[in-house]
Amino acid sequence: MELRGPSGSVSRFHVEVADDGAERSRGLMFRDSMAKSVSMLFVYDEPQHATFWMKNTLIPLDMIFADETGTVTRVHAKAKPQDVTLIDGGEGVRFVLEINGGLAYPLASPKVR
């Protein structure tokens, strides 16, 4: 998967896909590390209101929320490990890409491809 910033910057990630309820519920919980080039893509059957939390997640993450066209609608940077505060991705979310915390903003308004 590629994330392209408006300035032409490109970041590539190996993607693990979570496309059913059980995979989405587990997400990246209980992992104590993740390579910079690895990500998890949450795929929903249809656009919806998406919320996440970091319970049992041991590494900081950036969450990139995108609509059904792949256009980024919201970015939550550096979600805190083990925090149970809900992270609101908003309405119309079809995809959520989780990457290591701090990697999203250098791309500045990326589009998921």
N, C-alpha and C. Protein backbone atom coordinates (compact mmCIF):
# COMPACT_ATOMS: atom_id res chain seq x y z
N MET A 1 0.84 -1.17 0.00
CA MET A 1 0.00 0.00 0.00
C MET A 1 0.89 1.23 0.00
N GLU A 2 0.41 2.27 -0.64
CA GLU A 2 1.13 3.53 -0.68
C GLU A 2 0.29 4.64 -0.04
N LEU A 3 0.97 5.53 0.64
CA LEU A 3 0.38 6.79 1.07
C LEU A 3 1.12 7.88 0.31
N ARG A 4 0.36 8.71 -0.40
CA ARG A 4 0.95 9.80 -1.18
C ARG A 4 0.53 11.12 -0.59
N GLY A 5 1.53 11.96 -0.31
CA GLY A 5 1.27 13.30 0.18
C GLY A 5 1.11 14.26 -0.98
N PRO A 6 0.54 15.43 -0.75
CA PRO A 6 0.31 16.40 -1.82
C PRO A 6 1.61 16.91 -2.45
N SER A 7 2.71 16.83 -1.73
CA SER A 7 3.98 17.30 -2.29
C SER A 7 4.64 16.23 -3.15
N GLY A 8 3.97 15.07 -3.28
CA GLY A 8 4.53 13.99 -4.07
C GLY A 8 5.28 12.96 -3.25
N SER A 9 5.39 13.18 -1.94
CA SER A 9 6.07 12.20 -1.09
C SER A 9 5.27 10.90 -1.07
N VAL A 10 5.97 9.79 -1.02
CA VAL A 10 5.34 8.48 -1.02
C VAL A 10 5.93 7.63 0.10
N SER A 11 5.07 6.98 0.86
CA SER A 11 5.50 5.98 1.84
C SER A 11 4.80 4.69 1.50
N ARG A 12 5.55 3.60 1.52
CA ARG A 12 5.00 2.28 1.20
C ARG A 12 4.98 1.41 2.45
N PHE A 13 3.92 0.61 2.58
CA PHE A 13 3.74 -0.24 3.75
C PHE A 13 3.32 -1.64 3.34
N HIS A 14 3.84 -2.63 4.05
CA HIS A 14 3.33 -3.98 3.98
C HIS A 14 2.08 -3.97 4.84
N VAL A 15 0.98 -4.48 4.31
CA VAL A 15 -0.31 -4.34 4.97
C VAL A 15 -0.85 -5.69 5.45
N GLU A 16 -1.22 -5.71 6.71
CA GLU A 16 -2.02 -6.81 7.24
C GLU A 16 -3.46 -6.32 7.19
N VAL A 17 -4.37 -7.13 6.67
CA VAL A 17 -5.76 -6.71 6.50
C VAL A 17 -6.63 -7.31 7.59
N ALA A 18 -7.43 -6.45 8.20
CA ALA A 18 -8.44 -6.87 9.18
C ALA A 18 -9.79 -6.56 8.56
N ASP A 19 -10.42 -7.58 7.99
CA ASP A 19 -11.65 -7.32 7.25
C ASP A 19 -12.86 -8.11 7.77
N ASP A 20 -12.75 -8.66 8.96
CA ASP A 20 -13.94 -9.24 9.59
C ASP A 20 -13.96 -8.80 11.05
N GLY A 21 -15.07 -9.04 11.71
CA GLY A 21 -15.26 -8.54 13.07
C GLY A 21 -14.19 -8.99 14.05
N ALA A 22 -13.81 -10.27 13.99
CA ALA A 22 -12.81 -10.78 14.94
C ALA A 22 -11.45 -10.13 14.70
N GLU A 23 -11.05 -10.00 13.44
CA GLU A 23 -9.75 -9.37 13.12
C GLU A 23 -9.74 -7.91 13.51
N ARG A 24 -10.84 -7.21 13.24
CA ARG A 24 -10.92 -5.79 13.60
C ARG A 24 -10.91 -5.61 15.12
N SER A 25 -11.54 -6.51 15.85
CA SER A 25 -11.56 -6.40 17.32
C SER A 25 -10.17 -6.59 17.90
N ARG A 26 -9.40 -7.51 17.36
CA ARG A 26 -8.05 -7.76 17.89
C ARG A 26 -7.06 -6.71 17.42
N GLY A 27 -7.14 -6.32 16.17
CA GLY A 27 -6.24 -5.30 15.64
C GLY A 27 -4.79 -5.58 15.95
N LEU A 28 -4.09 -4.59 16.48
CA LEU A 28 -2.67 -4.72 16.81
C LEU A 28 -2.44 -4.92 18.31
N MET A 29 -3.45 -5.39 19.00
CA MET A 29 -3.31 -5.64 20.44
C MET A 29 -2.19 -6.64 20.72
N PHE A 30 -1.55 -6.44 21.85
CA PHE A 30 -0.56 -7.36 22.42
C PHE A 30 0.77 -7.43 21.67
N ARG A 31 0.96 -6.64 20.65
CA ARG A 31 2.26 -6.61 19.97
C ARG A 31 3.16 -5.60 20.66
N ASP A 32 4.38 -6.00 20.92
CA ASP A 32 5.28 -5.08 21.61
C ASP A 32 6.18 -4.30 20.67
N SER A 33 6.09 -4.59 19.37
CA SER A 33 6.83 -3.82 18.37
C SER A 33 6.20 -4.07 17.00
N MET A 34 6.56 -3.17 16.07
CA MET A 34 6.09 -3.31 14.70
C MET A 34 7.10 -2.60 13.80
N ALA A 35 7.56 -3.28 12.78
CA ALA A 35 8.51 -2.67 11.84
C ALA A 35 7.90 -1.41 11.22
N LYS A 36 8.75 -0.45 10.89
CA LYS A 36 8.28 0.82 10.31
C LYS A 36 7.48 0.62 9.03
N SER A 37 7.81 -0.42 8.27
CA SER A 37 7.16 -0.63 6.98
C SER A 37 5.88 -1.48 7.09
N VAL A 38 5.45 -1.81 8.29
CA VAL A 38 4.27 -2.65 8.49
C VAL A 38 3.10 -1.78 8.92
N SER A 39 1.91 -2.18 8.51
CA SER A 39 0.69 -1.46 8.89
C SER A 39 -0.45 -2.47 8.99
N MET A 40 -1.56 -2.00 9.54
CA MET A 40 -2.78 -2.81 9.54
C MET A 40 -3.88 -1.97 8.93
N LEU A 41 -4.57 -2.55 7.96
CA LEU A 41 -5.68 -1.88 7.29
C LEU A 41 -6.98 -2.52 7.74
N PHE A 42 -7.84 -1.72 8.35
CA PHE A 42 -9.17 -2.16 8.76
C PHE A 42 -10.11 -1.81 7.61
N VAL A 43 -10.84 -2.80 7.13
CA VAL A 43 -11.74 -2.63 6.00
C VAL A 43 -13.16 -2.94 6.47
N TYR A 44 -14.07 -1.99 6.26
CA TYR A 44 -15.47 -2.18 6.60
C TYR A 44 -16.27 -2.44 5.33
N ASP A 45 -17.34 -3.23 5.47
CA ASP A 45 -18.16 -3.57 4.31
C ASP A 45 -18.82 -2.35 3.68
N GLU A 46 -19.11 -1.36 4.50
CA GLU A 46 -19.71 -0.12 4.02
C GLU A 46 -19.27 1.02 4.91
N PRO A 47 -19.36 2.25 4.42
CA PRO A 47 -18.95 3.41 5.24
C PRO A 47 -19.76 3.46 6.52
N GLN A 48 -19.10 3.85 7.61
CA GLN A 48 -19.76 3.91 8.90
C GLN A 48 -19.03 4.85 9.85
N HIS A 49 -19.63 5.06 11.00
CA HIS A 49 -18.99 5.83 12.05
C HIS A 49 -18.01 4.89 12.75
N ALA A 50 -16.74 5.25 12.79
CA ALA A 50 -15.71 4.37 13.35
C ALA A 50 -15.07 4.99 14.58
N THR A 51 -14.94 4.19 15.64
CA THR A 51 -14.21 4.60 16.83
C THR A 51 -13.23 3.49 17.21
N PHE A 52 -12.10 3.90 17.75
CA PHE A 52 -11.06 2.96 18.17
C PHE A 52 -10.63 3.31 19.58
N TRP A 53 -9.91 2.38 20.21
CA TRP A 53 -9.25 2.64 21.47
C TRP A 53 -7.95 1.86 21.47
N MET A 54 -7.13 2.08 22.48
CA MET A 54 -5.80 1.48 22.51
C MET A 54 -5.65 0.43 23.61
N LYS A 55 -6.76 -0.03 24.18
CA LYS A 55 -6.69 -1.04 25.24
C LYS A 55 -5.91 -2.25 24.73
N ASN A 56 -4.96 -2.67 25.51
CA ASN A 56 -4.10 -3.83 25.19
C ASN A 56 -3.20 -3.61 23.96
N THR A 57 -3.11 -2.38 23.50
CA THR A 57 -2.19 -2.05 22.41
C THR A 57 -0.95 -1.45 23.05
N LEU A 58 0.20 -2.02 22.76
CA LEU A 58 1.42 -1.70 23.50
C LEU A 58 2.34 -0.71 22.79
N ILE A 59 2.01 -0.34 21.56
CA ILE A 59 2.86 0.59 20.79
C ILE A 59 2.04 1.81 20.36
N PRO A 60 2.65 3.00 20.31
CA PRO A 60 1.91 4.17 19.83
C PRO A 60 1.61 4.03 18.34
N LEU A 61 0.43 4.47 17.95
CA LEU A 61 0.00 4.33 16.56
C LEU A 61 -0.55 5.64 16.02
N ASP A 62 -0.41 5.84 14.71
CA ASP A 62 -1.16 6.86 13.99
C ASP A 62 -2.31 6.13 13.31
N MET A 63 -3.49 6.70 13.37
CA MET A 63 -4.67 6.13 12.73
C MET A 63 -5.11 7.06 11.63
N ILE A 64 -5.18 6.53 10.43
CA ILE A 64 -5.55 7.31 9.26
C ILE A 64 -6.91 6.80 8.79
N PHE A 65 -7.92 7.64 8.91
CA PHE A 65 -9.29 7.29 8.55
C PHE A 65 -9.57 7.77 7.13
N ALA A 66 -10.17 6.90 6.32
CA ALA A 66 -10.43 7.25 4.92
C ALA A 66 -11.84 6.83 4.52
N ASP A 67 -12.39 7.57 3.56
CA ASP A 67 -13.72 7.25 3.05
C ASP A 67 -13.61 6.17 1.97
N GLU A 68 -14.72 5.88 1.30
CA GLU A 68 -14.71 4.79 0.34
C GLU A 68 -13.90 5.08 -0.93
N THR A 69 -13.54 6.34 -1.16
CA THR A 69 -12.68 6.66 -2.31
C THR A 69 -11.20 6.58 -1.95
N GLY A 70 -10.90 6.35 -0.66
CA GLY A 70 -9.51 6.32 -0.22
C GLY A 70 -8.99 7.68 0.21
N THR A 71 -9.86 8.68 0.20
CA THR A 71 -9.45 10.01 0.62
C THR A 71 -9.44 10.09 2.14
N VAL A 72 -8.35 10.58 2.68
CA VAL A 72 -8.21 10.69 4.13
C VAL A 72 -9.16 11.75 4.66
N THR A 73 -9.92 11.36 5.67
CA THR A 73 -10.88 12.28 6.27
C THR A 73 -10.44 12.76 7.64
N ARG A 74 -9.57 11.98 8.30
CA ARG A 74 -9.10 12.35 9.63
C ARG A 74 -7.84 11.56 9.94
N VAL A 75 -6.94 12.18 10.70
CA VAL A 75 -5.73 11.50 11.18
C VAL A 75 -5.65 11.71 12.69
N HIS A 76 -5.46 10.63 13.40
CA HIS A 76 -5.22 10.73 14.84
C HIS A 76 -3.77 10.31 15.05
N ALA A 77 -2.94 11.24 15.48
CA ALA A 77 -1.51 10.99 15.61
C ALA A 77 -1.16 10.51 17.01
N LYS A 78 -0.23 9.57 17.05
CA LYS A 78 0.40 9.09 18.28
C LYS A 78 -0.60 8.71 19.37
N ALA A 79 -1.52 7.82 19.01
CA ALA A 79 -2.44 7.29 20.01
C ALA A 79 -1.62 6.61 21.10
N LYS A 80 -2.00 6.85 22.35
CA LYS A 80 -1.23 6.39 23.51
C LYS A 80 -1.50 4.92 23.81
N PRO A 81 -0.44 4.14 23.97
CA PRO A 81 -0.61 2.73 24.33
C PRO A 81 -1.46 2.57 25.59
N GLN A 82 -2.35 1.59 25.54
CA GLN A 82 -3.20 1.15 26.65
C GLN A 82 -4.29 2.16 27.06
N ASP A 83 -4.41 3.26 26.33
CA ASP A 83 -5.43 4.27 26.66
C ASP A 83 -6.81 3.77 26.21
N VAL A 84 -7.80 3.89 27.08
CA VAL A 84 -9.14 3.42 26.73
C VAL A 84 -10.06 4.56 26.27
N THR A 85 -9.50 5.76 26.12
CA THR A 85 -10.28 6.87 25.59
C THR A 85 -10.63 6.58 24.14
N LEU A 86 -11.90 6.78 23.77
CA LEU A 86 -12.31 6.53 22.39
C LEU A 86 -11.68 7.54 21.44
N ILE A 87 -11.22 7.03 20.31
CA ILE A 87 -10.68 7.85 19.24
C ILE A 87 -11.73 7.85 18.14
N ASP A 88 -12.29 9.02 17.87
CA ASP A 88 -13.40 9.14 16.94
C ASP A 88 -12.90 9.41 15.53
N GLY A 89 -13.16 8.49 14.63
CA GLY A 89 -12.77 8.65 13.24
C GLY A 89 -13.80 9.38 12.41
N GLY A 90 -14.98 9.60 12.98
CA GLY A 90 -16.02 10.31 12.27
C GLY A 90 -16.92 9.40 11.47
N GLU A 91 -17.78 10.02 10.69
CA GLU A 91 -18.75 9.32 9.84
C GLU A 91 -18.14 8.98 8.49
N GLY A 92 -18.73 8.02 7.81
CA GLY A 92 -18.35 7.70 6.43
C GLY A 92 -17.01 7.01 6.30
N VAL A 93 -16.54 6.36 7.37
CA VAL A 93 -15.23 5.69 7.33
C VAL A 93 -15.39 4.31 6.70
N ARG A 94 -14.60 4.04 5.69
CA ARG A 94 -14.58 2.71 5.05
C ARG A 94 -13.28 1.98 5.34
N PHE A 95 -12.19 2.75 5.55
CA PHE A 95 -10.87 2.17 5.80
C PHE A 95 -10.18 2.92 6.94
N VAL A 96 -9.41 2.18 7.72
CA VAL A 96 -8.55 2.79 8.73
C VAL A 96 -7.20 2.11 8.61
N LEU A 97 -6.18 2.92 8.43
CA LEU A 97 -4.82 2.40 8.35
C LEU A 97 -4.10 2.77 9.64
N GLU A 98 -3.57 1.76 10.33
CA GLU A 98 -2.77 2.01 11.52
C GLU A 98 -1.31 1.80 11.18
N ILE A 99 -0.51 2.82 11.50
CA ILE A 99 0.93 2.77 11.27
C ILE A 99 1.63 3.21 12.56
N ASN A 100 2.91 3.00 12.62
CA ASN A 100 3.66 3.41 13.81
C ASN A 100 3.45 4.90 14.08
N GLY A 101 3.32 5.23 15.35
CA GLY A 101 3.09 6.61 15.77
C GLY A 101 4.18 7.55 15.28
N GLY A 102 3.75 8.68 14.71
CA GLY A 102 4.67 9.70 14.23
C GLY A 102 4.97 9.64 12.75
N LEU A 103 4.46 8.64 12.04
CA LEU A 103 4.77 8.52 10.61
C LEU A 103 3.76 9.23 9.70
N ALA A 104 2.57 9.51 10.17
CA ALA A 104 1.51 10.04 9.30
C ALA A 104 1.73 11.49 8.90
N TYR A 105 2.11 12.35 9.84
CA TYR A 105 2.11 13.77 9.52
C TYR A 105 3.20 14.23 8.55
N PRO A 106 4.31 13.57 8.43
CA PRO A 106 5.24 14.01 7.37
C PRO A 106 4.62 13.92 5.97
N LEU A 107 3.57 13.10 5.83
CA LEU A 107 2.92 12.96 4.53
C LEU A 107 1.95 14.10 4.25
N ALA A 108 1.45 14.76 5.26
CA ALA A 108 0.53 15.89 5.14
C ALA A 108 -0.63 15.61 4.20
N SER A 109 -1.77 15.30 4.76
CA SER A 109 -3.00 15.03 4.03
C SER A 109 -2.85 13.94 2.98
N PRO A 110 -2.44 12.75 3.38
CA PRO A 110 -2.22 11.69 2.40
C PRO A 110 -3.51 11.13 1.83
N LYS A 111 -3.38 10.45 0.72
CA LYS A 111 -4.47 9.67 0.14
C LYS A 111 -4.03 8.22 0.18
N VAL A 112 -4.91 7.34 0.63
CA VAL A 112 -4.60 5.93 0.70
C VAL A 112 -4.84 5.31 -0.67
N ARG A 113 -3.88 4.52 -1.14
CA ARG A 113 -4.04 3.82 -2.44
C ARG A 113 -3.77 2.35 -2.26
